[in-house]
Protein backbone atom coordinates (compact mmCIF):
# COMPACT_ATOMS: atom_id res chain seq x y z
CA UNK A 1 57.57 -41.40 115.43
CA UNK A 2 56.76 -37.88 116.58
CA UNK A 3 54.29 -39.24 119.12
CA UNK A 4 57.20 -40.97 120.93
CA UNK A 5 59.24 -37.77 121.16
CA UNK A 6 59.25 -35.60 124.27
CA UNK A 7 59.22 -31.86 123.91
CA UNK A 8 61.84 -29.78 125.66
CA UNK A 9 59.46 -28.80 128.46
CA UNK A 10 58.73 -32.43 129.30
CA UNK A 11 62.43 -33.36 129.20
CA UNK A 12 63.21 -30.40 131.45
CA UNK A 13 60.49 -31.42 133.90
CA UNK A 14 61.55 -35.07 134.02
CA UNK A 15 65.29 -34.37 134.20
CA UNK A 16 65.11 -31.46 136.62
CA UNK A 17 67.18 -29.35 134.24
CA UNK A 18 66.23 -25.99 132.82
CA UNK A 19 65.40 -25.81 129.11
CA UNK A 20 68.36 -23.45 128.74
CA UNK A 21 70.64 -26.22 130.12
CA UNK A 22 69.21 -28.64 127.57
CA UNK A 23 69.87 -26.21 124.74
CA UNK A 24 73.40 -25.65 126.10
CA UNK A 25 74.07 -29.40 126.26
CA UNK A 26 72.78 -29.67 122.71
CA UNK A 27 75.16 -26.94 121.52
CA UNK A 28 78.02 -28.83 123.24
CA UNK A 29 77.04 -32.03 121.42
CA UNK A 30 76.09 -33.94 124.58
CA UNK A 31 72.47 -34.48 123.52
CA UNK A 32 70.64 -34.16 120.24
CA UNK A 33 67.13 -33.01 119.40
CA UNK A 34 65.34 -35.37 117.04
CA UNK A 35 63.01 -32.78 115.62
CA UNK A 36 60.48 -30.16 116.51
CA UNK A 37 57.04 -30.16 118.04
CA UNK A 38 55.86 -26.89 116.59
CA UNK A 39 58.58 -24.43 117.57
CA UNK A 40 59.81 -26.54 120.49
CA UNK A 41 62.69 -28.98 120.34
CA UNK A 42 61.74 -32.64 120.71
CA UNK A 43 63.93 -35.42 122.09
CA UNK A 44 63.85 -39.19 122.12
CA UNK A 45 62.96 -40.67 125.54
CA UNK A 46 66.49 -42.15 125.76
CA UNK A 47 67.76 -38.60 126.15
CA UNK A 48 66.60 -38.77 129.79
CA UNK A 49 69.07 -41.61 130.44
CA UNK A 50 71.86 -39.63 128.83
CA UNK A 51 70.98 -36.59 130.92
CA UNK A 52 71.07 -38.73 134.07
CA UNK A 53 74.55 -39.91 133.09
CA UNK A 54 75.68 -36.35 132.37
CA UNK A 55 74.33 -35.12 135.72
CA UNK A 56 76.00 -37.98 137.59
CA UNK A 57 79.31 -37.34 135.85
CA UNK A 58 79.12 -33.59 136.56
CA UNK A 59 78.39 -34.36 140.23
CA UNK A 60 81.48 -36.58 140.27
CA UNK A 61 83.60 -33.68 139.02
CA UNK A 62 83.85 -34.40 135.32
CA UNK A 63 84.01 -31.38 133.03
CA UNK A 64 81.64 -31.14 130.07
CA UNK A 65 84.61 -31.75 127.78
CA UNK A 66 85.46 -34.96 129.64
CA UNK A 67 81.83 -36.05 129.50
CA UNK A 68 81.71 -35.41 125.76
CA UNK A 69 84.83 -37.55 125.30
CA UNK A 70 83.36 -40.27 127.49
CA UNK A 71 80.14 -40.32 125.46
CA UNK A 72 82.17 -40.83 122.26
CA UNK A 73 84.65 -43.32 123.78
CA UNK A 74 85.49 -46.60 122.12
CA UNK A 75 87.15 -49.59 123.79
CA UNK A 76 90.42 -48.81 122.00
CA UNK A 77 90.74 -45.35 123.57
CA UNK A 78 93.47 -46.19 126.11
CA UNK A 79 94.21 -42.56 126.99
CA UNK A 80 90.60 -41.97 127.98
CA UNK A 81 90.52 -45.24 129.92
CA UNK A 82 93.57 -44.09 131.91
CA UNK A 83 91.85 -40.80 132.69
CA UNK A 84 88.70 -42.64 133.72
CA UNK A 85 90.74 -44.85 136.08
CA UNK A 86 92.33 -41.73 137.59
CA UNK A 87 88.89 -40.16 138.02
CA UNK A 88 87.69 -43.37 139.67
CA UNK A 89 90.48 -43.01 142.25
CA UNK A 90 89.42 -39.39 142.86
CA UNK A 91 85.80 -40.50 143.33
CA UNK A 92 86.93 -43.21 145.78
CA UNK A 93 88.83 -40.60 147.79
CA UNK A 94 85.76 -38.34 147.83
CA UNK A 95 83.54 -41.24 148.95
CA UNK A 96 85.97 -41.95 151.80
CA UNK A 97 85.90 -38.28 152.80
CA UNK A 98 82.11 -38.16 152.72
CA UNK A 99 81.93 -41.41 154.69
CA UNK A 100 84.07 -39.86 157.43
CA UNK A 101 81.84 -36.81 157.45
CA UNK A 102 78.66 -38.91 157.56
CA UNK A 103 79.97 -41.00 160.46
CA UNK A 104 81.01 -37.88 162.34
CA UNK A 105 77.65 -36.21 161.82
CA UNK A 106 75.83 -39.38 162.83
CA UNK A 107 77.71 -39.43 166.12
CA UNK A 108 77.49 -35.67 166.66
CA UNK A 109 73.70 -35.82 166.38
CA UNK A 110 73.49 -37.87 169.59
CA UNK A 111 76.76 -37.07 171.42
CA UNK A 112 76.62 -35.54 174.90
CA UNK A 113 80.37 -34.79 175.20
CA UNK A 114 81.27 -31.20 176.03
CA UNK A 115 82.84 -29.84 173.87
CA UNK A 116 81.74 -32.07 171.05
CA UNK A 117 84.93 -31.72 169.01
CA UNK A 118 86.93 -33.25 171.88
CA UNK A 119 84.74 -36.35 172.07
CA UNK A 120 86.95 -39.42 171.54
CA UNK A 121 84.25 -41.19 169.50
CA UNK A 122 83.71 -38.11 167.32
CA UNK A 123 87.43 -37.85 166.70
CA UNK A 124 87.59 -41.55 165.92
CA UNK A 125 84.77 -41.18 163.39
CA UNK A 126 86.69 -38.39 161.65
CA UNK A 127 89.74 -40.59 161.28
CA UNK A 128 88.03 -43.97 160.72
CA UNK A 129 88.35 -43.96 156.93
CA UNK A 130 91.84 -43.37 155.55
CA UNK A 131 92.23 -40.00 153.84
CA UNK A 132 92.42 -39.99 150.04
């Protein structure tokens, strides 16, 4: 079994996270070391998937506490489901905002209007997606 484990350096390299972040996540109960490879922590390969989920959730604005709850969630946890639905609405609003920004930048990169901020197409791109 130990030959299937990844040491902390390998997990850090593959996940893009510092070993100190891995140890922190372990202290918070988000991941778990399966053993040691000498003096170094060793993790199951599935830990990389969990770290990808944690990183994605953090990028979406979840706190570590919320992520920990989510990782322990059961289908019967209606309170957490309500919070997840609310977070989904927040993410949708952020996606709409970023879409407006992307469309504006896309136009600004080729626009010849002077001044750019008064360009009707640029202004339309800013307002194209309803605000969240």
